[in-house]
Amino acid sequence: MVCCPLYGGEDGPSCSTTKVRTARKEHHCVECREPIVAGTKYEYASGVWDGMPDSFKTCLSCVEIRNHFACSSGWEYGSVWSQLEESFFPDMRAGGPCMEGLSPEAKARLFDRRMAWLGDDE
């Protein structure tokens, strides 16, 4: 089992800033694609990648999961769940060292997404 299944691109941003904001209107999380409803806190990241400016809105649940599983190898915005499905879900266990440190909400989210992923095979 790989406890650090996320990997990033070779080059990070040339400049970037990250803030936690409160949504004034509905947005969608770049990772899970679910709504970030008005009044909910989310991470807003903006910067310049490969000479192109971009920005990303991520729900705090995905931020926790991303930060936990990226370890030191980084990640790419928008690919957290696909990388987890590829490298973590096949051998995912309910306990053990890979799950230590995650909030109960994050663990529940992982289990829900894995069950949906397993159901996709049928």
PDB file of N, CA and C in Angstrom:
ATOM      1  N   MET A   1       0.841  -1.177   0.000  1.00  0.00           N
ATOM      2  CA  MET A   1       0.000   0.000   0.000  1.00  0.00           C
ATOM      3  C   MET A   1       0.881   1.233   0.000  1.00  0.00           C
ATOM      4  N   VAL A   2       0.521   2.187  -0.810  1.00  0.00           N
ATOM      5  CA  VAL A   2       1.253   3.438  -0.908  1.00  0.00           C
ATOM      6  C   VAL A   2       0.524   4.482  -0.058  1.00  0.00           C
ATOM      7  N   CYS A   3       1.182   4.986   0.986  1.00  0.00           N
ATOM      8  CA  CYS A   3       0.550   5.987   1.855  1.00  0.00           C
ATOM      9  C   CYS A   3       0.711   7.403   1.312  1.00  0.00           C
ATOM     10  N   CYS A   4       1.536   7.586   0.324  1.00  0.00           N
ATOM     11  CA  CYS A   4       1.732   8.896  -0.305  1.00  0.00           C
ATOM     12  C   CYS A   4       1.473   8.757  -1.804  1.00  0.00           C
ATOM     13  N   PRO A   5       0.216   8.482  -2.195  1.00  0.00           N
ATOM     14  CA  PRO A   5      -0.069   8.167  -3.587  1.00  0.00           C
ATOM     15  C   PRO A   5      -0.129   9.380  -4.521  1.00  0.00           C
ATOM     16  N   LEU A   6      -0.113  10.586  -3.979  1.00  0.00           N
ATOM     17  CA  LEU A   6      -0.231  11.767  -4.836  1.00  0.00           C
ATOM     18  C   LEU A   6       1.137  12.215  -5.312  1.00  0.00           C
ATOM     19  N   TYR A   7       1.178  12.705  -6.514  1.00  0.00           N
ATOM     20  CA  TYR A   7       2.419  13.204  -7.088  1.00  0.00           C
ATOM     21  C   TYR A   7       2.100  14.460  -7.872  1.00  0.00           C
ATOM     22  N   GLY A   8       3.054  15.347  -7.924  1.00  0.00           N
ATOM     23  CA  GLY A   8       2.847  16.615  -8.607  1.00  0.00           C
ATOM     24  C   GLY A   8       3.643  16.701  -9.878  1.00  0.00           C
ATOM     25  N   GLY A   9       3.442  17.797 -10.552  1.00  0.00           N
ATOM     26  CA  GLY A   9       4.226  18.063 -11.744  1.00  0.00           C
ATOM     27  C   GLY A   9       5.665  18.352 -11.359  1.00  0.00           C
ATOM     28  N   GLU A  10       6.531  18.380 -12.331  1.00  0.00           N
ATOM     29  CA  GLU A  10       7.942  18.610 -12.051  1.00  0.00           C
ATOM     30  C   GLU A  10       8.200  20.025 -11.562  1.00  0.00           C
ATOM     31  N   ASP A  11       7.473  20.988 -12.098  1.00  0.00           N
ATOM     32  CA  ASP A  11       7.692  22.378 -11.735  1.00  0.00           C
ATOM     33  C   ASP A  11       6.492  22.918 -10.983  1.00  0.00           C
ATOM     34  N   GLY A  12       6.750  23.545  -9.861  1.00  0.00           N
ATOM     35  CA  GLY A  12       5.697  24.212  -9.121  1.00  0.00           C
ATOM     36  C   GLY A  12       5.448  25.585  -9.728  1.00  0.00           C
ATOM     37  N   PRO A  13       4.615  26.356  -9.100  1.00  0.00           N
ATOM     38  CA  PRO A  13       4.331  27.693  -9.613  1.00  0.00           C
ATOM     39  C   PRO A  13       5.534  28.613  -9.432  1.00  0.00           C
ATOM     40  N   SER A  14       5.662  29.583 -10.335  1.00  0.00           N
ATOM     41  CA  SER A  14       6.739  30.556 -10.185  1.00  0.00           C
ATOM     42  C   SER A  14       6.399  31.553  -9.083  1.00  0.00           C
ATOM     43  N   CYS A  15       5.119  31.752  -8.831  1.00  0.00           N
ATOM     44  CA  CYS A  15       4.647  32.531  -7.687  1.00  0.00           C
ATOM     45  C   CYS A  15       3.221  32.080  -7.395  1.00  0.00           C
ATOM     46  N   SER A  16       2.844  32.135  -6.130  1.00  0.00           N
ATOM     47  CA  SER A  16       1.486  31.717  -5.777  1.00  0.00           C
ATOM     48  C   SER A  16       1.115  32.259  -4.411  1.00  0.00           C
ATOM     49  N   THR A  17      -0.166  32.274  -4.142  1.00  0.00           N
ATOM     50  CA  THR A  17      -0.697  32.649  -2.845  1.00  0.00           C
ATOM     51  C   THR A  17      -1.889  31.746  -2.547  1.00  0.00           C
ATOM     52  N   THR A  18      -2.061  31.425  -1.285  1.00  0.00           N
ATOM     53  CA  THR A  18      -3.164  30.564  -0.861  1.00  0.00           C
ATOM     54  C   THR A  18      -3.841  31.215   0.334  1.00  0.00           C
ATOM     55  N   LYS A  19      -5.169  31.264   0.284  1.00  0.00           N
ATOM     56  CA  LYS A  19      -5.954  31.848   1.368  1.00  0.00           C
ATOM     57  C   LYS A  19      -7.165  30.981   1.633  1.00  0.00           C
ATOM     58  N   VAL A  20      -7.659  31.026   2.861  1.00  0.00           N
ATOM     59  CA  VAL A  20      -8.948  30.405   3.169  1.00  0.00           C
ATOM     60  C   VAL A  20      -9.971  31.530   3.115  1.00  0.00           C
ATOM     61  N   ARG A  21     -10.987  31.325   2.292  1.00  0.00           N
ATOM     62  CA  ARG A  21     -12.043  32.319   2.103  1.00  0.00           C
ATOM     63  C   ARG A  21     -13.384  31.731   2.504  1.00  0.00           C
ATOM     64  N   THR A  22     -14.366  32.595   2.649  1.00  0.00           N
ATOM     65  CA  THR A  22     -15.748  32.185   2.853  1.00  0.00           C
ATOM     66  C   THR A  22     -16.504  32.495   1.572  1.00  0.00           C
ATOM     67  N   ALA A  23     -17.152  31.499   1.015  1.00  0.00           N
ATOM     68  CA  ALA A  23     -17.859  31.663  -0.259  1.00  0.00           C
ATOM     69  C   ALA A  23     -19.031  32.629  -0.103  1.00  0.00           C
ATOM     70  N   ARG A  24     -19.097  33.611  -0.990  1.00  0.00           N
ATOM     71  CA  ARG A  24     -20.249  34.521  -1.017  1.00  0.00           C
ATOM     72  C   ARG A  24     -21.310  34.014  -1.985  1.00  0.00           C
ATOM     73  N   LYS A  25     -20.890  33.140  -2.893  1.00  0.00           N
ATOM     74  CA  LYS A  25     -21.810  32.496  -3.827  1.00  0.00           C
ATOM     75  C   LYS A  25     -21.327  31.067  -4.013  1.00  0.00           C
ATOM     76  N   GLU A  26     -22.099  30.262  -4.703  1.00  0.00           N
ATOM     77  CA  GLU A  26     -21.706  28.866  -4.904  1.00  0.00           C
ATOM     78  C   GLU A  26     -20.551  28.768  -5.886  1.00  0.00           C
ATOM     79  N   HIS A  27     -19.587  27.932  -5.539  1.00  0.00           N
ATOM     80  CA  HIS A  27     -18.464  27.574  -6.409  1.00  0.00           C
ATOM     81  C   HIS A  27     -18.439  26.049  -6.491  1.00  0.00           C
ATOM     82  N   HIS A  28     -17.504  25.510  -7.250  1.00  0.00           N
ATOM     83  CA  HIS A  28     -17.303  24.059  -7.293  1.00  0.00           C
ATOM     84  C   HIS A  28     -15.847  23.754  -6.980  1.00  0.00           C
ATOM     85  N   CYS A  29     -15.648  22.716  -6.180  1.00  0.00           N
ATOM     86  CA  CYS A  29     -14.316  22.290  -5.789  1.00  0.00           C
ATOM     87  C   CYS A  29     -13.578  21.729  -7.007  1.00  0.00           C
ATOM     88  N   VAL A  30     -12.335  22.152  -7.185  1.00  0.00           N
ATOM     89  CA  VAL A  30     -11.538  21.687  -8.312  1.00  0.00           C
ATOM     90  C   VAL A  30     -11.213  20.193  -8.201  1.00  0.00           C
ATOM     91  N   GLU A  31     -11.275  19.650  -6.999  1.00  0.00           N
ATOM     92  CA  GLU A  31     -10.929  18.241  -6.802  1.00  0.00           C
ATOM     93  C   GLU A  31     -12.143  17.322  -6.925  1.00  0.00           C
ATOM     94  N   CYS A  32     -13.125  17.518  -6.063  1.00  0.00           N
ATOM     95  CA  CYS A  32     -14.272  16.595  -6.036  1.00  0.00           C
ATOM     96  C   CYS A  32     -15.405  17.055  -6.954  1.00  0.00           C
ATOM     97  N   ARG A  33     -15.329  18.274  -7.444  1.00  0.00           N
ATOM     98  CA  ARG A  33     -16.332  18.867  -8.346  1.00  0.00           C
ATOM     99  C   ARG A  33     -17.678  19.107  -7.659  1.00  0.00           C
ATOM    100  N   GLU A  34     -17.746  18.901  -6.343  1.00  0.00           N
ATOM    101  CA  GLU A  34     -18.984  19.135  -5.609  1.00  0.00           C
ATOM    102  C   GLU A  34     -19.121  20.616  -5.289  1.00  0.00           C
ATOM    103  N   PRO A  35     -20.344  21.080  -5.031  1.00  0.00           N
ATOM    104  CA  PRO A  35     -20.544  22.505  -4.745  1.00  0.00           C
ATOM    105  C   PRO A  35     -19.886  22.940  -3.444  1.00  0.00           C
ATOM    106  N   ILE A  36     -19.342  24.127  -3.476  1.00  0.00           N
ATOM    107  CA  ILE A  36     -18.918  24.839  -2.277  1.00  0.00           C
ATOM    108  C   ILE A  36     -20.011  25.882  -2.074  1.00  0.00           C
ATOM    109  N   VAL A  37     -20.897  25.632  -1.142  1.00  0.00           N
ATOM    110  CA  VAL A  37     -22.085  26.478  -0.988  1.00  0.00           C
ATOM    111  C   VAL A  37     -21.734  27.792  -0.302  1.00  0.00           C
ATOM    112  N   ALA A  38     -22.535  28.799  -0.562  1.00  0.00           N
ATOM    113  CA  ALA A  38     -22.342  30.109   0.046  1.00  0.00           C
ATOM    114  C   ALA A  38     -22.291  29.981   1.561  1.00  0.00           C
ATOM    115  N   GLY A  39     -21.362  30.691   2.173  1.00  0.00           N
ATOM    116  CA  GLY A  39     -21.185  30.641   3.620  1.00  0.00           C
ATOM    117  C   GLY A  39     -20.176  29.610   4.080  1.00  0.00           C
ATOM    118  N   THR A  40     -19.706  28.745   3.175  1.00  0.00           N
ATOM    119  CA  THR A  40     -18.756  27.692   3.506  1.00  0.00           C
ATOM    120  C   THR A  40     -17.329  28.177   3.273  1.00  0.00           C
ATOM    121  N   LYS A  41     -16.421  27.794   4.136  1.00  0.00           N
ATOM    122  CA  LYS A  41     -15.010  28.131   3.948  1.00  0.00           C
ATOM    123  C   LYS A  41     -14.401  27.189   2.913  1.00  0.00           C
ATOM    124  N   TYR A  42     -13.464  27.725   2.133  1.00  0.00           N
ATOM    125  CA  TYR A  42     -12.760  26.949   1.119  1.00  0.00           C
ATOM    126  C   TYR A  42     -11.373  27.548   0.925  1.00  0.00           C
ATOM    127  N   GLU A  43     -10.487  26.791   0.288  1.00  0.00           N
ATOM    128  CA  GLU A  43      -9.152  27.286  -0.030  1.00  0.00           C
ATOM    129  C   GLU A  43      -9.167  27.899  -1.419  1.00  0.00           C
ATOM    130  N   TYR A  44      -8.593  29.092  -1.531  1.00  0.00           N
ATOM    131  CA  TYR A  44      -8.439  29.762  -2.820  1.00  0.00           C
ATOM    132  C   TYR A  44      -6.943  29.893  -3.076  1.00  0.00           C
ATOM    133  N   ALA A  45      -6.473  29.310  -4.156  1.00  0.00           N
ATOM    134  CA  ALA A  45      -5.065  29.395  -4.533  1.00  0.00           C
ATOM    135  C   ALA A  45      -4.968  30.043  -5.905  1.00  0.00           C
ATOM    136  N   SER A  46      -4.044  30.974  -6.041  1.00  0.00           N
ATOM    137  CA  SER A  46      -3.799  31.585  -7.342  1.00  0.00           C
ATOM    138  C   SER A  46      -2.294  31.697  -7.533  1.00  0.00           C
ATOM    139  N   GLY A  47      -1.887  31.679  -8.787  1.00  0.00           N
ATOM    140  CA  GLY A  47      -0.466  31.754  -9.067  1.00  0.00           C
ATOM    141  C   GLY A  47      -0.190  31.669 -10.554  1.00  0.00           C
ATOM    142  N   VAL A  48       1.069  31.460 -10.858  1.00  0.00           N
ATOM    143  CA  VAL A  48       1.514  31.364 -12.248  1.00  0.00           C
ATOM    144  C   VAL A  48       2.235  30.024 -12.411  1.00  0.00           C
ATOM    145  N   TRP A  49       1.683  29.170 -13.256  1.00  0.00           N
ATOM    146  CA  TRP A  49       2.256  27.870 -13.577  1.00  0.00           C
ATOM    147  C   TRP A  49       2.637  27.861 -15.042  1.00  0.00           C
ATOM    148  N   ASP A  50       3.873  27.536 -15.338  1.00  0.00           N
ATOM    149  CA  ASP A  50       4.372  27.499 -16.725  1.00  0.00           C
ATOM    150  C   ASP A  50       4.042  28.788 -17.475  1.00  0.00           C
ATOM    151  N   GLY A  51       4.183  29.922 -16.793  1.00  0.00           N
ATOM    152  CA  GLY A  51       3.953  31.219 -17.420  1.00  0.00           C
ATOM    153  C   GLY A  51       2.494  31.612 -17.571  1.00  0.00           C
ATOM    154  N   MET A  52       1.579  30.781 -17.102  1.00  0.00           N
ATOM    155  CA  MET A  52       0.151  31.060 -17.248  1.00  0.00           C
ATOM    156  C   MET A  52      -0.485  31.254 -15.871  1.00  0.00           C
ATOM    157  N   PRO A  53      -1.205  32.363 -15.685  1.00  0.00           N
ATOM    158  CA  PRO A  53      -1.896  32.558 -14.409  1.00  0.00           C
ATOM    159  C   PRO A  53      -3.104  31.630 -14.307  1.00  0.00           C
ATOM    160  N   ASP A  54      -3.397  31.184 -13.095  1.00  0.00           N
ATOM    161  CA  ASP A  54      -4.550  30.328 -12.876  1.00  0.00           C
ATOM    162  C   ASP A  54      -4.975  30.448 -11.419  1.00  0.00           C
ATOM    163  N   SER A  55      -6.169  29.977 -11.115  1.00  0.00           N
ATOM    164  CA  SER A  55      -6.647  29.966  -9.733  1.00  0.00           C
ATOM    165  C   SER A  55      -7.490  28.720  -9.517  1.00  0.00           C
ATOM    166  N   PHE A  56      -7.550  28.284  -8.245  1.00  0.00           N
ATOM    167  CA  PHE A  56      -8.238  27.053  -7.906  1.00  0.00           C
ATOM    168  C   PHE A  56      -8.987  27.223  -6.594  1.00  0.00           C
ATOM    169  N   LYS A  57     -10.200  26.696  -6.542  1.00  0.00           N
ATOM    170  CA  LYS A  57     -11.015  26.695  -5.332  1.00  0.00           C
ATOM    171  C   LYS A  57     -11.171  25.243  -4.890  1.00  0.00           C
ATOM    172  N   THR A  58     -10.830  24.970  -3.621  1.00  0.00           N
ATOM    173  CA  THR A  58     -10.855  23.603  -3.118  1.00  0.00           C
ATOM    174  C   THR A  58     -11.600  23.565  -1.792  1.00  0.00           C
ATOM    175  N   CYS A  59     -12.559  22.640  -1.664  1.00  0.00           N
ATOM    176  CA  CYS A  59     -13.272  22.496  -0.393  1.00  0.00           C
ATOM    177  C   CYS A  59     -12.273  22.031   0.672  1.00  0.00           C
ATOM    178  N   LEU A  60     -12.526  22.373   1.924  1.00  0.00           N
ATOM    179  CA  LEU A  60     -11.568  22.068   2.983  1.00  0.00           C
ATOM    180  C   LEU A  60     -11.419  20.569   3.243  1.00  0.00           C
ATOM    181  N   SER A  61     -12.440  19.792   2.932  1.00  0.00           N
ATOM    182  CA  SER A  61     -12.334  18.336   3.056  1.00  0.00           C
ATOM    183  C   SER A  61     -11.284  17.802   2.078  1.00  0.00           C
ATOM    184  N   CYS A  62     -11.339  18.257   0.845  1.00  0.00           N
ATOM    185  CA  CYS A  62     -10.352  17.822  -0.151  1.00  0.00           C
ATOM    186  C   CYS A  62      -8.964  18.351   0.194  1.00  0.00           C
ATOM    187  N   VAL A  63      -8.881  19.555   0.777  1.00  0.00           N
ATOM    188  CA  VAL A  63      -7.586  20.097   1.193  1.00  0.00           C
ATOM    189  C   VAL A  63      -6.950  19.176   2.235  1.00  0.00           C
ATOM    190  N   GLU A  64      -7.737  18.759   3.233  1.00  0.00           N
ATOM    191  CA  GLU A  64      -7.207  17.871   4.273  1.00  0.00           C
ATOM    192  C   GLU A  64      -6.714  16.557   3.666  1.00  0.00           C
ATOM    193  N   ILE A  65      -7.512  15.963   2.816  1.00  0.00           N
ATOM    194  CA  ILE A  65      -7.147  14.683   2.197  1.00  0.00           C
ATOM    195  C   ILE A  65      -5.928  14.859   1.299  1.00  0.00           C
ATOM    196  N   ARG A  66      -5.910  15.913   0.506  1.00  0.00           N
ATOM    197  CA  ARG A  66      -4.779  16.196  -0.382  1.00  0.00           C
ATOM    198  C   ARG A  66      -3.491  16.375   0.426  1.00  0.00           C
ATOM    199  N   ASN A  67      -3.545  17.197   1.463  1.00  0.00           N
ATOM    200  CA  ASN A  67      -2.346  17.459   2.256  1.00  0.00           C
ATOM    201  C   ASN A  67      -1.856  16.204   2.972  1.00  0.00           C
ATOM    202  N   HIS A  68      -2.772  15.354   3.391  1.00  0.00           N
ATOM    203  CA  HIS A  68      -2.406  14.120   4.093  1.00  0.00           C
ATOM    204  C   HIS A  68      -1.695  13.130   3.164  1.00  0.00           C
ATOM    205  N   PHE A  69      -2.176  12.989   1.955  1.00  0.00           N
ATOM    206  CA  PHE A  69      -1.655  11.964   1.052  1.00  0.00           C
ATOM    207  C   PHE A  69      -0.588  12.456   0.080  1.00  0.00           C
ATOM    208  N   ALA A  70      -0.356  13.755   0.008  1.00  0.00           N
ATOM    209  CA  ALA A  70       0.679  14.267  -0.897  1.00  0.00           C
ATOM    210  C   ALA A  70       2.078  14.062  -0.324  1.00  0.00           C
ATOM    211  N   CYS A  71       2.179  14.038   1.004  1.00  0.00           N
ATOM    212  CA  CYS A  71       3.473  13.907   1.672  1.00  0.00           C
ATOM    213  C   CYS A  71       4.434  14.951   1.105  1.00  0.00           C
ATOM    214  N   SER A  72       5.602  14.557   0.669  1.00  0.00           N
ATOM    215  CA  SER A  72       6.560  15.547   0.164  1.00  0.00           C
ATOM    216  C   SER A  72       6.615  15.595  -1.361  1.00  0.00           C
ATOM    217  N   SER A  73       5.814  14.784  -2.026  1.00  0.00           N
ATOM    218  CA  SER A  73       5.904  14.712  -3.484  1.00  0.00           C
ATOM    219  C   SER A  73       5.000  15.709  -4.199  1.00  0.00           C
ATOM    220  N   GLY A  74       4.188  16.449  -3.456  1.00  0.00           N
ATOM    221  CA  GLY A  74       3.314  17.437  -4.074  1.00  0.00           C
ATOM    222  C   GLY A  74       2.077  16.819  -4.694  1.00  0.00           C
ATOM    223  N   TRP A  75       1.391  17.611  -5.493  1.00  0.00           N
ATOM    224  CA  TRP A  75       0.158  17.174  -6.155  1.00  0.00           C
ATOM    225  C   TRP A  75      -0.119  18.104  -7.325  1.00  0.00           C
ATOM    226  N   GLU A  76      -1.067  17.733  -8.155  1.00  0.00           N
ATOM    227  CA  GLU A  76      -1.547  18.579  -9.246  1.00  0.00           C
ATOM    228  C   GLU A  76      -2.999  18.909  -8.963  1.00  0.00           C
ATOM    229  N   TYR A  77      -3.346  20.189  -9.061  1.00  0.00           N
ATOM    230  CA  TYR A  77      -4.737  20.578  -8.855  1.00  0.00           C
ATOM    231  C   TYR A  77      -5.640  19.835  -9.836  1.00  0.00           C
ATOM    232  N   GLY A  78      -6.748  19.358  -9.323  1.00  0.00           N
ATOM    233  CA  GLY A  78      -7.739  18.687 -10.157  1.00  0.00           C
ATOM    234  C   GLY A  78      -7.514  17.205 -10.351  1.00  0.00           C
ATOM    235  N   SER A  79      -6.448  16.647  -9.758  1.00  0.00           N
ATOM    236  CA  SER A  79      -6.173  15.228  -9.990  1.00  0.00           C
ATOM    237  C   SER A  79      -6.110  14.397  -8.709  1.00  0.00           C
ATOM    238  N   VAL A  80      -6.430  15.004  -7.573  1.00  0.00           N
ATOM    239  CA  VAL A  80      -6.301  14.288  -6.300  1.00  0.00           C
ATOM    240  C   VAL A  80      -7.122  13.007  -6.290  1.00  0.00           C
ATOM    241  N   TRP A  81      -8.401  13.085  -6.637  1.00  0.00           N
ATOM    242  CA  TRP A  81      -9.251  11.889  -6.545  1.00  0.00           C
ATOM    243  C   TRP A  81      -8.891  10.852  -7.595  1.00  0.00           C
ATOM    244  N   SER A  82      -8.527  11.257  -8.784  1.00  0.00           N
ATOM    245  CA  SER A  82      -8.150  10.261  -9.795  1.00  0.00           C
ATOM    246  C   SER A  82      -6.861   9.545  -9.389  1.00  0.00           C
ATOM    247  N   GLN A  83      -5.924  10.265  -8.763  1.00  0.00           N
ATOM    248  CA  GLN A  83      -4.695   9.618  -8.298  1.00  0.00           C
ATOM    249  C   GLN A  83      -4.971   8.693  -7.116  1.00  0.00           C
ATOM    250  N   LEU A  84      -5.878   9.084  -6.225  1.00  0.00           N
ATOM    251  CA  LEU A  84      -6.249   8.192  -5.122  1.00  0.00           C
ATOM    252  C   LEU A  84      -6.912   6.932  -5.652  1.00  0.00           C
ATOM    253  N   GLU A  85      -7.797   7.080  -6.637  1.00  0.00           N
ATOM    254  CA  GLU A  85      -8.456   5.909  -7.225  1.00  0.00           C
ATOM    255  C   GLU A  85      -7.440   4.963  -7.847  1.00  0.00           C
ATOM    256  N   GLU A  86      -6.442   5.519  -8.483  1.00  0.00           N
ATOM    257  CA  GLU A  86      -5.439   4.704  -9.177  1.00  0.00           C
ATOM    258  C   GLU A  86      -4.449   4.046  -8.218  1.00  0.00           C
ATOM    259  N   SER A  87      -3.963   4.800  -7.233  1.00  0.00           N
ATOM    260  CA  SER A  87      -2.846   4.327  -6.427  1.00  0.00           C
ATOM    261  C   SER A  87      -3.172   3.964  -4.985  1.00  0.00           C
ATOM    262  N   PHE A  88      -4.355   4.331  -4.489  1.00  0.00           N
ATOM    263  CA  PHE A  88      -4.662   4.080  -3.087  1.00  0.00           C
ATOM    264  C   PHE A  88      -5.900   3.208  -2.897  1.00  0.00           C
ATOM    265  N   PHE A  89      -6.958   3.482  -3.649  1.00  0.00           N
ATOM    266  CA  PHE A  89      -8.218   2.765  -3.456  1.00  0.00           C
ATOM    267  C   PHE A  89      -8.114   1.252  -3.631  1.00  0.00           C
ATOM    268  N   PRO A  90      -7.333   0.722  -4.570  1.00  0.00           N
ATOM    269  CA  PRO A  90      -7.320  -0.732  -4.744  1.00  0.00           C
ATOM    270  C   PRO A  90      -6.941  -1.502  -3.478  1.00  0.00           C
ATOM    271  N   ASP A  91      -6.048  -0.949  -2.652  1.00  0.00           N
ATOM    272  CA  ASP A  91      -5.600  -1.653  -1.449  1.00  0.00           C
ATOM    273  C   ASP A  91      -5.967  -0.921  -0.168  1.00  0.00           C
ATOM    274  N   MET A  92      -6.882   0.017  -0.237  1.00  0.00           N
ATOM    275  CA  MET A  92      -7.238   0.839   0.922  1.00  0.00           C
ATOM    276  C   MET A  92      -7.769  -0.016   2.067  1.00  0.00           C
ATOM    277  N   ARG A  93      -7.326   0.311   3.292  1.00  0.00           N
ATOM    278  CA  ARG A  93      -7.765  -0.372   4.500  1.00  0.00           C
ATOM    279  C   ARG A  93      -8.420   0.640   5.437  1.00  0.00           C
ATOM    280  N   ALA A  94      -9.308   0.173   6.288  1.00  0.00           N
ATOM    281  CA  ALA A  94     -10.032   1.057   7.207  1.00  0.00           C
ATOM    282  C   ALA A  94      -9.126   1.643   8.279  1.00  0.00           C
ATOM    283  N   GLY A  95      -8.092   0.955   8.653  1.00  0.00           N
ATOM    284  CA  GLY A  95      -7.188   1.442   9.684  1.00  0.00           C
ATOM    285  C   GLY A  95      -5.762   1.404   9.186  1.00  0.00           C
ATOM    286  N   GLY A  96      -4.857   1.528  10.107  1.00  0.00           N
ATOM    287  CA  GLY A  96      -3.453   1.440   9.743  1.00  0.00           C
ATOM    288  C   GLY A  96      -2.804   2.794   9.593  1.00  0.00           C
ATOM    289  N   PRO A  97      -1.519   2.775   9.318  1.00  0.00           N
ATOM    290  CA  PRO A  97      -0.737   4.013   9.312  1.00  0.00           C
ATOM    291  C   PRO A  97      -1.168   5.028   8.247  1.00  0.00           C
ATOM    292  N   CYS A  98      -1.700   4.574   7.144  1.00  0.00           N
ATOM    293  CA  CYS A  98      -2.094   5.515   6.092  1.00  0.00           C
ATOM    294  C   CYS A  98      -3.284   6.387   6.494  1.00  0.00           C
ATOM    295  N   MET A  99      -4.085   5.922   7.423  1.00  0.00           N
ATOM    296  CA  MET A  99      -5.277   6.672   7.829  1.00  0.00           C
ATOM    297  C   MET A  99      -5.053   7.493   9.102  1.00  0.00           C
ATOM    298  N   GLU A 100      -3.936   7.259   9.789  1.00  0.00           N
ATOM    299  CA  GLU A 100      -3.661   7.979  11.032  1.00  0.00           C
ATOM    300  C   GLU A 100      -3.510   9.472  10.761  1.00  0.00           C
ATOM    301  N   GLY A 101      -4.155  10.261  11.603  1.00  0.00           N
ATOM    302  CA  GLY A 101      -4.055  11.708  11.484  1.00  0.00           C
ATOM    303  C   GLY A 101      -5.187  12.356  10.705  1.00  0.00           C
ATOM    304  N   LEU A 102      -5.989  11.564  10.017  1.00  0.00           N
ATOM    305  CA  LEU A 102      -7.139  12.113   9.285  1.00  0.00           C
ATOM    306  C   LEU A 102      -8.319  12.307  10.234  1.00  0.00           C
ATOM    307  N   SER A 103      -9.085  13.347  10.011  1.00  0.00           N
ATOM    308  CA  SER A 103     -10.283  13.577  10.813  1.00  0.00           C
ATOM    309  C   SER A 103     -11.316  12.499  10.490  1.00  0.00           C
ATOM    310  N   PRO A 104     -12.255  12.261  11.403  1.00  0.00           N
ATOM    311  CA  PRO A 104     -13.329  11.301  11.109  1.00  0.00           C
ATOM    312  C   PRO A 104     -14.098  11.676   9.838  1.00  0.00           C
ATOM    313  N   GLU A 105     -14.287  12.965   9.600  1.00  0.00           N
ATOM    314  CA  GLU A 105     -15.005  13.413   8.398  1.00  0.00           C
ATOM    315  C   GLU A 105     -14.227  13.055   7.133  1.00  0.00           C
ATOM    316  N   ALA A 106     -12.908  13.240   7.165  1.00  0.00           N
ATOM    317  CA  ALA A 106     -12.087  12.913   5.995  1.00  0.00           C
ATOM    318  C   ALA A 106     -12.080  11.402   5.745  1.00  0.00           C
ATOM    319  N   LYS A 107     -12.000  10.620   6.815  1.00  0.00           N
ATOM    320  CA  LYS A 107     -12.049   9.159   6.657  1.00  0.00           C
ATOM    321  C   LYS A 107     -13.379   8.738   6.050  1.00  0.00           C
ATOM    322  N   ALA A 108     -14.476   9.318   6.540  1.00  0.00           N
ATOM    323  CA  ALA A 108     -15.800   8.987   5.999  1.00  0.00           C
ATOM    324  C   ALA A 108     -15.877   9.351   4.525  1.00  0.00           C
ATOM    325  N   ARG A 109     -15.311  10.476   4.157  1.00  0.00           N
ATOM    326  CA  ARG A 109     -15.325  10.902   2.753  1.00  0.00           C
ATOM    327  C   ARG A 109     -14.547   9.924   1.891  1.00  0.00           C
ATOM    328  N   LEU A 110     -13.396   9.483   2.373  1.00  0.00           N
ATOM    329  CA  LEU A 110     -12.619   8.485   1.636  1.00  0.00           C
ATOM    330  C   LEU A 110     -13.395   7.190   1.462  1.00  0.00           C
ATOM    331  N   PHE A 111     -14.031   6.716   2.542  1.00  0.00           N
ATOM    332  CA  PHE A 111     -14.802   5.470   2.455  1.00  0.00           C
ATOM    333  C   PHE A 111     -15.966   5.614   1.485  1.00  0.00           C
ATOM    334  N   ASP A 112     -16.676   6.729   1.540  1.00  0.00           N
ATOM    335  CA  ASP A 112     -17.796   6.959   0.622  1.00  0.00           C
ATOM    336  C   ASP A 112     -17.329   6.966  -0.828  1.00  0.00           C
ATOM    337  N   ARG A 113     -16.233   7.683  -1.096  1.00  0.00           N
ATOM    338  CA  ARG A 113     -15.719   7.763  -2.469  1.00  0.00           C
ATOM    339  C   ARG A 113     -15.208   6.391  -2.930  1.00  0.00           C
ATOM    340  N   ARG A 114     -14.571   5.649  -2.021  1.00  0.00           N
ATOM    341  CA  ARG A 114     -14.087   4.318  -2.407  1.00  0.00           C
ATOM    342  C   ARG A 114     -15.248   3.386  -2.712  1.00  0.00           C
ATOM    343  N   MET A 115     -16.307   3.433  -1.895  1.00  0.00           N
ATOM    344  CA  MET A 115     -17.468   2.577  -2.154  1.00  0.00           C
ATOM    345  C   MET A 115     -18.092   2.923  -3.505  1.00  0.00           C
ATOM    346  N   ALA A 116     -18.175   4.191  -3.823  1.00  0.00           N
ATOM    347  CA  ALA A 116     -18.700   4.598  -5.138  1.00  0.00           C
ATOM    348  C   ALA A 116     -17.775   4.101  -6.245  1.00  0.00           C
ATOM    349  N   TRP A 117     -16.478   4.196  -6.013  1.00  0.00           N
ATOM    350  CA  TRP A 117     -15.488   3.715  -6.987  1.00  0.00           C
ATOM    351  C   TRP A 117     -15.626   2.213  -7.196  1.00  0.00           C
ATOM    352  N   LEU A 118     -15.798   1.449  -6.122  1.00  0.00           N
ATOM    353  CA  LEU A 118     -15.987   0.010  -6.232  1.00  0.00           C
ATOM    354  C   LEU A 118     -17.254  -0.320  -6.997  1.00  0.00           C
ATOM    355  N   GLY A 119     -18.300   0.464  -6.775  1.00  0.00           N
ATOM    356  CA  GLY A 119     -19.574   0.268  -7.462  1.00  0.00           C
ATOM    357  C   GLY A 119     -19.483   0.539  -8.944  1.00  0.00           C
ATOM    358  N   ASP A 120     -18.521   1.379  -9.370  1.00  0.00           N
ATOM    359  CA  ASP A 120     -18.342   1.687 -10.784  1.00  0.00           C
ATOM    360  C   ASP A 120     -17.866   0.479 -11.576  1.00  0.00           C
ATOM    361  N   ASP A 121     -17.223  -0.470 -10.899  1.00  0.00           N
ATOM    362  CA  ASP A 121     -16.713  -1.660 -11.582  1.00  0.00           C
ATOM    363  C   ASP A 121     -17.813  -2.651 -11.920  1.00  0.00           C
ATOM    364  N   GLU A 122     -18.950  -2.518 -11.255  1.00  0.00           N
ATOM    365  CA  GLU A 122     -20.026  -3.505 -11.455  1.00  0.00           C
ATOM    366  C   GLU A 122     -20.895  -3.149 -12.628  1.00  0.00           C
TER     367      GLU A 122
END
